[in-house]
C-alpha atoms as a PDB file:
ATOM      1  CA  UNK A   1     -22.949  10.476  -1.447  1.00  0.00           C
ATOM      2  CA  UNK A   2     -19.733   8.478  -0.897  1.00  0.00           C
ATOM      3  CA  UNK A   3     -18.439   8.765   2.684  1.00  0.00           C
ATOM      4  CA  UNK A   4     -15.072  10.267   1.746  1.00  0.00           C
ATOM      5  CA  UNK A   5     -16.826  13.274   0.199  1.00  0.00           C
ATOM      6  CA  UNK A   6     -18.016  14.233   3.681  1.00  0.00           C
ATOM      7  CA  UNK A   7     -14.391  14.887   4.691  1.00  0.00           C
ATOM      8  CA  UNK A   8     -12.904  16.077   1.405  1.00  0.00           C
ATOM      9  CA  UNK A   9     -14.353  19.000  -0.470  1.00  0.00           C
ATOM     10  CA  UNK A  10     -13.879  17.640  -3.995  1.00  0.00           C
ATOM     11  CA  UNK A  11     -16.142  17.421  -7.006  1.00  0.00           C
ATOM     12  CA  UNK A  12     -16.102  16.129 -10.558  1.00  0.00           C
ATOM     13  CA  UNK A  13     -13.075  14.158 -11.688  1.00  0.00           C
ATOM     14  CA  UNK A  14     -11.321  14.502  -8.323  1.00  0.00           C
ATOM     15  CA  UNK A  15     -14.187  12.687  -6.642  1.00  0.00           C
ATOM     16  CA  UNK A  16     -13.218   9.614  -8.666  1.00  0.00           C
ATOM     17  CA  UNK A  17      -9.462  10.185  -8.448  1.00  0.00           C
ATOM     18  CA  UNK A  18      -9.258  10.599  -4.663  1.00  0.00           C
ATOM     19  CA  UNK A  19     -10.240   7.029  -3.622  1.00  0.00           C
ATOM     20  CA  UNK A  20      -7.967   5.535  -6.287  1.00  0.00           C
ATOM     21  CA  UNK A  21      -5.089   7.779  -5.222  1.00  0.00           C
ATOM     22  CA  UNK A  22      -5.534   6.937  -1.538  1.00  0.00           C
ATOM     23  CA  UNK A  23      -5.618   3.196  -2.231  1.00  0.00           C
ATOM     24  CA  UNK A  24      -2.575   3.374  -4.492  1.00  0.00           C
ATOM     25  CA  UNK A  25      -0.517   5.488  -2.121  1.00  0.00           C
ATOM     26  CA  UNK A  26      -1.416   3.314   0.883  1.00  0.00           C
ATOM     27  CA  UNK A  27      -0.419   0.114  -0.892  1.00  0.00           C
ATOM     28  CA  UNK A  28       2.817   1.751  -2.038  1.00  0.00           C
ATOM     29  CA  UNK A  29       3.696   2.705   1.533  1.00  0.00           C
ATOM     30  CA  UNK A  30       2.989  -0.834   2.755  1.00  0.00           C
ATOM     31  CA  UNK A  31       5.222  -2.315   0.057  1.00  0.00           C
ATOM     32  CA  UNK A  32       8.029   0.142   0.833  1.00  0.00           C
ATOM     33  CA  UNK A  33       7.905  -0.703   4.534  1.00  0.00           C
ATOM     34  CA  UNK A  34       8.018  -4.429   3.728  1.00  0.00           C
ATOM     35  CA  UNK A  35      10.928  -3.901   1.338  1.00  0.00           C
ATOM     36  CA  UNK A  36      12.886  -1.888   3.915  1.00  0.00           C
ATOM     37  CA  UNK A  37      12.180  -4.541   6.557  1.00  0.00           C
ATOM     38  CA  UNK A  38      13.612  -7.260   4.304  1.00  0.00           C
ATOM     39  CA  UNK A  39      16.692  -5.142   3.598  1.00  0.00           C
ATOM     40  CA  UNK A  40      17.348  -4.596   7.290  1.00  0.00           C
ATOM     41  CA  UNK A  41      16.657  -8.209   8.250  1.00  0.00           C
ATOM     42  CA  UNK A  42      19.486  -9.461   6.035  1.00  0.00           C
ATOM     43  CA  UNK A  43      19.644 -13.188   5.285  1.00  0.00           C
ATOM     44  CA  UNK A  44      16.916 -13.947   7.802  1.00  0.00           C
ATOM     45  CA  UNK A  45      14.524 -11.689   5.899  1.00  0.00           C
ATOM     46  CA  UNK A  46      15.424 -13.276   2.585  1.00  0.00           C
ATOM     47  CA  UNK A  47      14.795 -16.755   4.021  1.00  0.00           C
ATOM     48  CA  UNK A  48      11.366 -15.778   5.276  1.00  0.00           C
ATOM     49  CA  UNK A  49      10.594 -14.186   1.914  1.00  0.00           C
ATOM     50  CA  UNK A  50      11.598 -17.418   0.143  1.00  0.00           C
ATOM     51  CA  UNK A  51       9.346 -19.451   2.468  1.00  0.00           C
ATOM     52  CA  UNK A  52       6.435 -17.108   1.772  1.00  0.00           C
ATOM     53  CA  UNK A  53       6.936 -17.522  -1.981  1.00  0.00           C
ATOM     54  CA  UNK A  54       7.042 -21.322  -1.613  1.00  0.00           C
ATOM     55  CA  UNK A  55       3.710 -21.341   0.227  1.00  0.00           C
ATOM     56  CA  UNK A  56       1.912 -19.495  -2.566  1.00  0.00           C
END
């Protein structure tokens, strides 16, 4: 039994959907926080974003 089923009372299709949904929503929240941080940082945030892109 997958560990998340111990805390969530789901069965069938929702047992497969729940981990995917949690991963997707968590990554979306992280990206939104990063996007908001860049917006509030102004030019300094854009410079650090450009440096991060150059390193990749």
